[in-house]
PDB file of N, CA and C in Angstrom:
ATOM      1  N   UNK A   1     123.593 -50.702 258.282  1.00  0.00           N
ATOM      2  CA  UNK A   1     123.467 -50.745 256.834  1.00  0.00           C
ATOM      3  C   UNK A   1     123.164 -52.183 256.413  1.00  0.00           C
ATOM      4  N   UNK A   2     122.281 -52.330 255.443  1.00  0.00           N
ATOM      5  CA  UNK A   2     121.922 -53.667 254.978  1.00  0.00           C
ATOM      6  C   UNK A   2     122.954 -54.175 253.986  1.00  0.00           C
ATOM      7  N   UNK A   3     122.974 -55.472 253.803  1.00  0.00           N
ATOM      8  CA  UNK A   3     123.909 -56.083 252.860  1.00  0.00           C
ATOM      9  C   UNK A   3     123.501 -55.732 251.431  1.00  0.00           C
ATOM     10  N   UNK A   4     124.477 -55.723 250.562  1.00  0.00           N
ATOM     11  CA  UNK A   4     124.203 -55.441 249.149  1.00  0.00           C
ATOM     12  C   UNK A   4     123.498 -56.624 248.506  1.00  0.00           C
ATOM     13  N   UNK A   5     122.602 -56.347 247.562  1.00  0.00           N
ATOM     14  CA  UNK A   5     121.992 -57.439 246.809  1.00  0.00           C
ATOM     15  C   UNK A   5     123.066 -58.210 246.033  1.00  0.00           C
ATOM     16  N   UNK A   6     122.783 -59.447 245.730  1.00  0.00           N
ATOM     17  CA  UNK A   6     123.748 -60.288 245.026  1.00  0.00           C
ATOM     18  C   UNK A   6     124.157 -59.675 243.684  1.00  0.00           C
ATOM     19  N   UNK A   7     123.202 -59.064 242.967  1.00  0.00           N
ATOM     20  CA  UNK A   7     123.536 -58.480 241.670  1.00  0.00           C
ATOM     21  C   UNK A   7     124.566 -57.363 241.811  1.00  0.00           C
ATOM     22  N   UNK A   8     124.438 -56.550 242.860  1.00  0.00           N
ATOM     23  CA  UNK A   8     125.396 -55.463 243.073  1.00  0.00           C
ATOM     24  C   UNK A   8     126.766 -56.004 243.474  1.00  0.00           C
ATOM     25  N   UNK A   9     126.787 -57.076 244.286  1.00  0.00           N
ATOM     26  CA  UNK A   9     128.067 -57.688 244.648  1.00  0.00           C
ATOM     27  C   UNK A   9     128.759 -58.256 243.413  1.00  0.00           C
ATOM     28  N   UNK A  10     127.982 -58.880 242.504  1.00  0.00           N
ATOM     29  CA  UNK A  10     128.570 -59.415 241.269  1.00  0.00           C
ATOM     30  C   UNK A  10     129.116 -58.291 240.389  1.00  0.00           C
ATOM     31  N   UNK A  11     128.388 -57.189 240.325  1.00  0.00           N
ATOM     32  CA  UNK A  11     128.853 -56.053 239.521  1.00  0.00           C
ATOM     33  C   UNK A  11     130.143 -55.481 240.092  1.00  0.00           C
ATOM     34  N   UNK A  12     130.229 -55.373 241.414  1.00  0.00           N
ATOM     35  CA  UNK A  12     131.468 -54.899 242.033  1.00  0.00           C
ATOM     36  C   UNK A  12     132.618 -55.865 241.749  1.00  0.00           C
ATOM     37  N   UNK A  13     132.336 -57.161 241.775  1.00  0.00           N
ATOM     38  CA  UNK A  13     133.358 -58.159 241.455  1.00  0.00           C
ATOM     39  C   UNK A  13     133.823 -58.017 240.010  1.00  0.00           C
ATOM     40  N   UNK A  14     132.891 -57.749 239.116  1.00  0.00           N
ATOM     41  CA  UNK A  14     133.244 -57.540 237.715  1.00  0.00           C
ATOM     42  C   UNK A  14     134.153 -56.326 237.555  1.00  0.00           C
ATOM     43  N   UNK A  15     133.824 -55.236 238.225  1.00  0.00           N
ATOM     44  CA  UNK A  15     134.655 -54.036 238.137  1.00  0.00           C
ATOM     45  C   UNK A  15     136.056 -54.293 238.704  1.00  0.00           C
ATOM     46  N   UNK A  16     136.118 -55.016 239.822  1.00  0.00           N
ATOM     47  CA  UNK A  16     137.414 -55.324 240.430  1.00  0.00           C
ATOM     48  C   UNK A  16     138.240 -56.233 239.525  1.00  0.00           C
ATOM     49  N   UNK A  17     137.610 -57.254 238.954  1.00  0.00           N
ATOM     50  CA  UNK A  17     138.314 -58.165 238.062  1.00  0.00           C
ATOM     51  C   UNK A  17     138.840 -57.437 236.831  1.00  0.00           C
ATOM     52  N   UNK A  18     138.047 -56.531 236.304  1.00  0.00           N
ATOM     53  CA  UNK A  18     138.481 -55.749 235.143  1.00  0.00           C
ATOM     54  C   UNK A  18     139.678 -54.885 235.503  1.00  0.00           C
ATOM     55  N   UNK A  19     139.648 -54.314 236.700  1.00  0.00           N
ATOM     56  CA  UNK A  19     140.771 -53.495 237.148  1.00  0.00           C
ATOM     57  C   UNK A  19     142.033 -54.344 237.288  1.00  0.00           C
ATOM     58  N   UNK A  20     141.884 -55.557 237.833  1.00  0.00           N
ATOM     59  CA  UNK A  20     143.036 -56.439 238.014  1.00  0.00           C
ATOM     60  C   UNK A  20     143.591 -56.938 236.686  1.00  0.00           C
ATOM     61  N   UNK A  21     142.702 -57.361 235.803  1.00  0.00           N
ATOM     62  CA  UNK A  21     143.121 -57.940 234.517  1.00  0.00           C
ATOM     63  C   UNK A  21     143.498 -56.881 233.494  1.00  0.00           C
ATOM     64  N   UNK A  22     142.793 -55.757 233.540  1.00  0.00           N
ATOM     65  CA  UNK A  22     143.049 -54.694 232.586  1.00  0.00           C
ATOM     66  C   UNK A  22     142.406 -54.921 231.229  1.00  0.00           C
ATOM     67  N   UNK A  23     141.640 -56.004 231.085  1.00  0.00           N
ATOM     68  CA  UNK A  23     141.003 -56.314 229.808  1.00  0.00           C
ATOM     69  C   UNK A  23     139.522 -56.553 230.057  1.00  0.00           C
ATOM     70  N   UNK A  24     138.694 -55.648 229.559  1.00  0.00           N
ATOM     71  CA  UNK A  24     137.260 -55.712 229.792  1.00  0.00           C
ATOM     72  C   UNK A  24     136.661 -56.992 229.223  1.00  0.00           C
ATOM     73  N   UNK A  25     136.992 -57.326 227.989  1.00  0.00           N
ATOM     74  CA  UNK A  25     136.354 -58.479 227.339  1.00  0.00           C
ATOM     75  C   UNK A  25     136.651 -59.784 228.075  1.00  0.00           C
ATOM     76  N   UNK A  26     137.853 -59.951 228.582  1.00  0.00           N
ATOM     77  CA  UNK A  26     138.217 -61.169 229.299  1.00  0.00           C
ATOM     78  C   UNK A  26     137.485 -61.245 230.642  1.00  0.00           C
ATOM     79  N   UNK A  27     137.421 -60.136 231.354  1.00  0.00           N
ATOM     80  CA  UNK A  27     136.709 -60.112 232.633  1.00  0.00           C
ATOM     81  C   UNK A  27     135.222 -60.398 232.425  1.00  0.00           C
ATOM     82  N   UNK A  28     134.644 -59.843 231.388  1.00  0.00           N
ATOM     83  CA  UNK A  28     133.235 -60.092 231.087  1.00  0.00           C
ATOM     84  C   UNK A  28     133.003 -61.562 230.744  1.00  0.00           C
ATOM     85  N   UNK A  29     133.917 -62.149 230.001  1.00  0.00           N
ATOM     86  CA  UNK A  29     133.792 -63.554 229.635  1.00  0.00           C
ATOM     87  C   UNK A  29     133.847 -64.430 230.891  1.00  0.00           C
ATOM     88  N   UNK A  30     134.762 -64.142 231.795  1.00  0.00           N
ATOM     89  CA  UNK A  30     134.907 -64.917 233.028  1.00  0.00           C
ATOM     90  C   UNK A  30     133.645 -64.799 233.885  1.00  0.00           C
ATOM     91  N   UNK A  31     133.105 -63.587 233.994  1.00  0.00           N
ATOM     92  CA  UNK A  31     131.959 -63.344 234.874  1.00  0.00           C
ATOM     93  C   UNK A  31     130.613 -63.594 234.202  1.00  0.00           C
ATOM     94  N   UNK A  32     130.607 -63.778 232.889  1.00  0.00           N
ATOM     95  CA  UNK A  32     129.357 -64.033 232.182  1.00  0.00           C
ATOM     96  C   UNK A  32     128.532 -62.787 231.907  1.00  0.00           C
ATOM     97  N   UNK A  33     129.197 -61.673 231.704  1.00  0.00           N
ATOM     98  CA  UNK A  33     128.526 -60.412 231.391  1.00  0.00           C
ATOM     99  C   UNK A  33     128.797 -60.033 229.945  1.00  0.00           C
ATOM    100  N   UNK A  34     127.897 -59.267 229.367  1.00  0.00           N
ATOM    101  CA  UNK A  34     128.121 -58.680 228.050  1.00  0.00           C
ATOM    102  C   UNK A  34     128.886 -57.375 228.265  1.00  0.00           C
ATOM    103  N   UNK A  35     129.727 -57.012 227.316  1.00  0.00           N
ATOM    104  CA  UNK A  35     130.517 -55.783 227.486  1.00  0.00           C
ATOM    105  C   UNK A  35     129.639 -54.556 227.647  1.00  0.00           C
ATOM    106  N   UNK A  36     128.495 -54.501 226.959  1.00  0.00           N
ATOM    107  CA  UNK A  36     127.589 -53.361 227.129  1.00  0.00           C
ATOM    108  C   UNK A  36     127.137 -53.229 228.575  1.00  0.00           C
ATOM    109  N   UNK A  37     126.857 -54.375 229.206  1.00  0.00           N
ATOM    110  CA  UNK A  37     126.452 -54.361 230.612  1.00  0.00           C
ATOM    111  C   UNK A  37     127.589 -53.856 231.495  1.00  0.00           C
ATOM    112  N   UNK A  38     128.817 -54.232 231.147  1.00  0.00           N
ATOM    113  CA  UNK A  38     129.963 -53.747 231.916  1.00  0.00           C
ATOM    114  C   UNK A  38     130.034 -52.222 231.863  1.00  0.00           C
ATOM    115  N   UNK A  39     129.905 -51.667 230.667  1.00  0.00           N
ATOM    116  CA  UNK A  39     130.034 -50.216 230.537  1.00  0.00           C
ATOM    117  C   UNK A  39     128.892 -49.484 231.242  1.00  0.00           C
ATOM    118  N   UNK A  40     127.683 -50.043 231.231  1.00  0.00           N
ATOM    119  CA  UNK A  40     126.579 -49.453 231.989  1.00  0.00           C
ATOM    120  C   UNK A  40     126.890 -49.474 233.482  1.00  0.00           C
ATOM    121  N   UNK A  41     127.398 -50.599 233.949  1.00  0.00           N
ATOM    122  CA  UNK A  41     127.758 -50.740 235.356  1.00  0.00           C
ATOM    123  C   UNK A  41     128.880 -49.777 235.729  1.00  0.00           C
ATOM    124  N   UNK A  42     129.888 -49.679 234.888  1.00  0.00           N
ATOM    125  CA  UNK A  42     131.016 -48.786 235.163  1.00  0.00           C
ATOM    126  C   UNK A  42     130.558 -47.336 235.234  1.00  0.00           C
ATOM    127  N   UNK A  43     129.670 -46.919 234.317  1.00  0.00           N
ATOM    128  CA  UNK A  43     129.145 -45.541 234.337  1.00  0.00           C
ATOM    129  C   UNK A  43     128.357 -45.285 235.622  1.00  0.00           C
ATOM    130  N   UNK A  44     127.520 -46.250 236.009  1.00  0.00           N
ATOM    131  CA  UNK A  44     126.714 -46.087 237.221  1.00  0.00           C
ATOM    132  C   UNK A  44     127.611 -45.989 238.454  1.00  0.00           C
ATOM    133  N   UNK A  45     128.645 -46.820 238.504  1.00  0.00           N
ATOM    134  CA  UNK A  45     129.567 -46.798 239.643  1.00  0.00           C
ATOM    135  C   UNK A  45     130.357 -45.502 239.669  1.00  0.00           C
ATOM    136  N   UNK A  46     130.790 -45.045 238.517  1.00  0.00           N
ATOM    137  CA  UNK A  46     131.566 -43.810 238.446  1.00  0.00           C
ATOM    138  C   UNK A  46     130.713 -42.612 238.858  1.00  0.00           C
ATOM    139  N   UNK A  47     129.442 -42.625 238.496  1.00  0.00           N
ATOM    140  CA  UNK A  47     128.561 -41.506 238.808  1.00  0.00           C
ATOM    141  C   UNK A  47     128.118 -41.489 240.269  1.00  0.00           C
ATOM    142  N   UNK A  48     127.892 -42.691 240.857  1.00  0.00           N
ATOM    143  CA  UNK A  48     127.339 -42.686 242.198  1.00  0.00           C
ATOM    144  C   UNK A  48     127.905 -43.702 243.155  1.00  0.00           C
ATOM    145  N   UNK A  49     129.013 -44.341 242.795  1.00  0.00           N
ATOM    146  CA  UNK A  49     129.599 -45.347 243.678  1.00  0.00           C
ATOM    147  C   UNK A  49     128.673 -46.543 243.832  1.00  0.00           C
ATOM    148  N   UNK A  50     128.724 -47.169 244.991  1.00  0.00           N
ATOM    149  CA  UNK A  50     127.890 -48.341 245.242  1.00  0.00           C
ATOM    150  C   UNK A  50     126.410 -47.965 245.176  1.00  0.00           C
ATOM    151  N   UNK A  51     126.072 -46.777 245.648  1.00  0.00           N
ATOM    152  CA  UNK A  51     124.685 -46.310 245.597  1.00  0.00           C
ATOM    153  C   UNK A  51     124.224 -46.210 244.138  1.00  0.00           C
ATOM    154  N   UNK A  52     125.115 -45.841 243.244  1.00  0.00           N
ATOM    155  CA  UNK A  52     124.781 -45.782 241.820  1.00  0.00           C
ATOM    156  C   UNK A  52     124.416 -47.136 241.261  1.00  0.00           C
ATOM    157  N   UNK A  53     125.063 -48.187 241.764  1.00  0.00           N
ATOM    158  CA  UNK A  53     124.722 -49.540 241.317  1.00  0.00           C
ATOM    159  C   UNK A  53     123.334 -49.931 241.808  1.00  0.00           C
ATOM    160  N   UNK A  54     123.003 -49.520 243.002  1.00  0.00           N
ATOM    161  CA  UNK A  54     121.693 -49.849 243.559  1.00  0.00           C
ATOM    162  C   UNK A  54     120.578 -49.094 242.846  1.00  0.00           C
ATOM    163  N   UNK A  55     120.896 -47.928 242.325  1.00  0.00           N
ATOM    164  CA  UNK A  55     119.884 -47.087 241.691  1.00  0.00           C
ATOM    165  C   UNK A  55     119.582 -47.491 240.248  1.00  0.00           C
ATOM    166  N   UNK A  56     120.363 -48.402 239.671  1.00  0.00           N
ATOM    167  CA  UNK A  56     120.114 -48.808 238.292  1.00  0.00           C
ATOM    168  C   UNK A  56     118.744 -49.454 238.184  1.00  0.00           C
ATOM    169  N   UNK A  57     118.060 -49.183 237.079  1.00  0.00           N
ATOM    170  CA  UNK A  57     116.761 -49.818 236.843  1.00  0.00           C
ATOM    171  C   UNK A  57     116.993 -51.236 236.373  1.00  0.00           C
ATOM    172  N   UNK A  58     116.215 -52.146 236.942  1.00  0.00           N
ATOM    173  CA  UNK A  58     116.315 -53.542 236.559  1.00  0.00           C
ATOM    174  C   UNK A  58     114.923 -54.099 236.343  1.00  0.00           C
ATOM    175  N   UNK A  59     114.845 -55.099 235.488  1.00  0.00           N
ATOM    176  CA  UNK A  59     113.587 -55.805 235.299  1.00  0.00           C
ATOM    177  C   UNK A  59     112.571 -55.005 234.509  1.00  0.00           C
ATOM    178  N   UNK A  60     111.312 -55.369 234.680  1.00  0.00           N
ATOM    179  CA  UNK A  60     110.231 -54.695 233.960  1.00  0.00           C
ATOM    180  C   UNK A  60     110.121 -53.255 234.421  1.00  0.00           C
ATOM    181  N   UNK A  61     109.798 -52.387 233.510  1.00  0.00           N
ATOM    182  CA  UNK A  61     109.678 -50.971 233.856  1.00  0.00           C
ATOM    183  C   UNK A  61     108.285 -50.603 234.341  1.00  0.00           C
ATOM    184  N   UNK A  62     107.290 -51.454 234.057  1.00  0.00           N
ATOM    185  CA  UNK A  62     105.951 -51.211 234.555  1.00  0.00           C
ATOM    186  C   UNK A  62     105.297 -52.553 234.857  1.00  0.00           C
ATOM    187  N   UNK A  63     104.320 -52.533 235.776  1.00  0.00           N
ATOM    188  CA  UNK A  63     103.658 -53.805 236.087  1.00  0.00           C
ATOM    189  C   UNK A  63     102.843 -54.300 234.901  1.00  0.00           C
ATOM    190  N   UNK A  64     102.648 -55.602 234.796  1.00  0.00           N
ATOM    191  CA  UNK A  64     101.848 -56.135 233.696  1.00  0.00           C
ATOM    192  C   UNK A  64     100.412 -55.599 233.750  1.00  0.00           C
ATOM    193  N   UNK A  65      99.860 -55.319 232.598  1.00  0.00           N
ATOM    194  CA  UNK A  65      98.512 -54.796 232.510  1.00  0.00           C
ATOM    195  C   UNK A  65      97.494 -55.923 232.477  1.00  0.00           C
ATOM    196  N   UNK A  66      96.326 -55.731 233.074  1.00  0.00           N
ATOM    197  CA  UNK A  66      95.298 -56.756 232.995  1.00  0.00           C
ATOM    198  C   UNK A  66      94.916 -57.034 231.539  1.00  0.00           C
ATOM    199  N   UNK A  67      94.724 -58.268 231.203  1.00  0.00           N
ATOM    200  CA  UNK A  67      94.374 -58.641 229.836  1.00  0.00           C
ATOM    201  C   UNK A  67      95.576 -58.869 228.949  1.00  0.00           C
ATOM    202  N   UNK A  68      96.801 -58.764 229.519  1.00  0.00           N
ATOM    203  CA  UNK A  68      98.017 -59.035 228.764  1.00  0.00           C
ATOM    204  C   UNK A  68      98.400 -57.962 227.774  1.00  0.00           C
ATOM    205  N   UNK A  69      97.850 -56.751 227.894  1.00  0.00           N
ATOM    206  CA  UNK A  69      98.176 -55.701 226.926  1.00  0.00           C
ATOM    207  C   UNK A  69      99.362 -54.913 227.339  1.00  0.00           C
TER     208      UNK A  69
END
């Protein structure tokens, strides 16, 4: 099995920190995440575990079009 991408490791750390602290806003502040991002991550993890984190869409949704359109 390959290693997890850094973004997925950070998301797992955020979930663990939230579990330890019990306060979402404080954990997000420490890790530099917005609370909305936390809840998206938590839903993805709850639905599919670590694989759910890997399946999240990131970045641009389509390649740039020629001519900048």
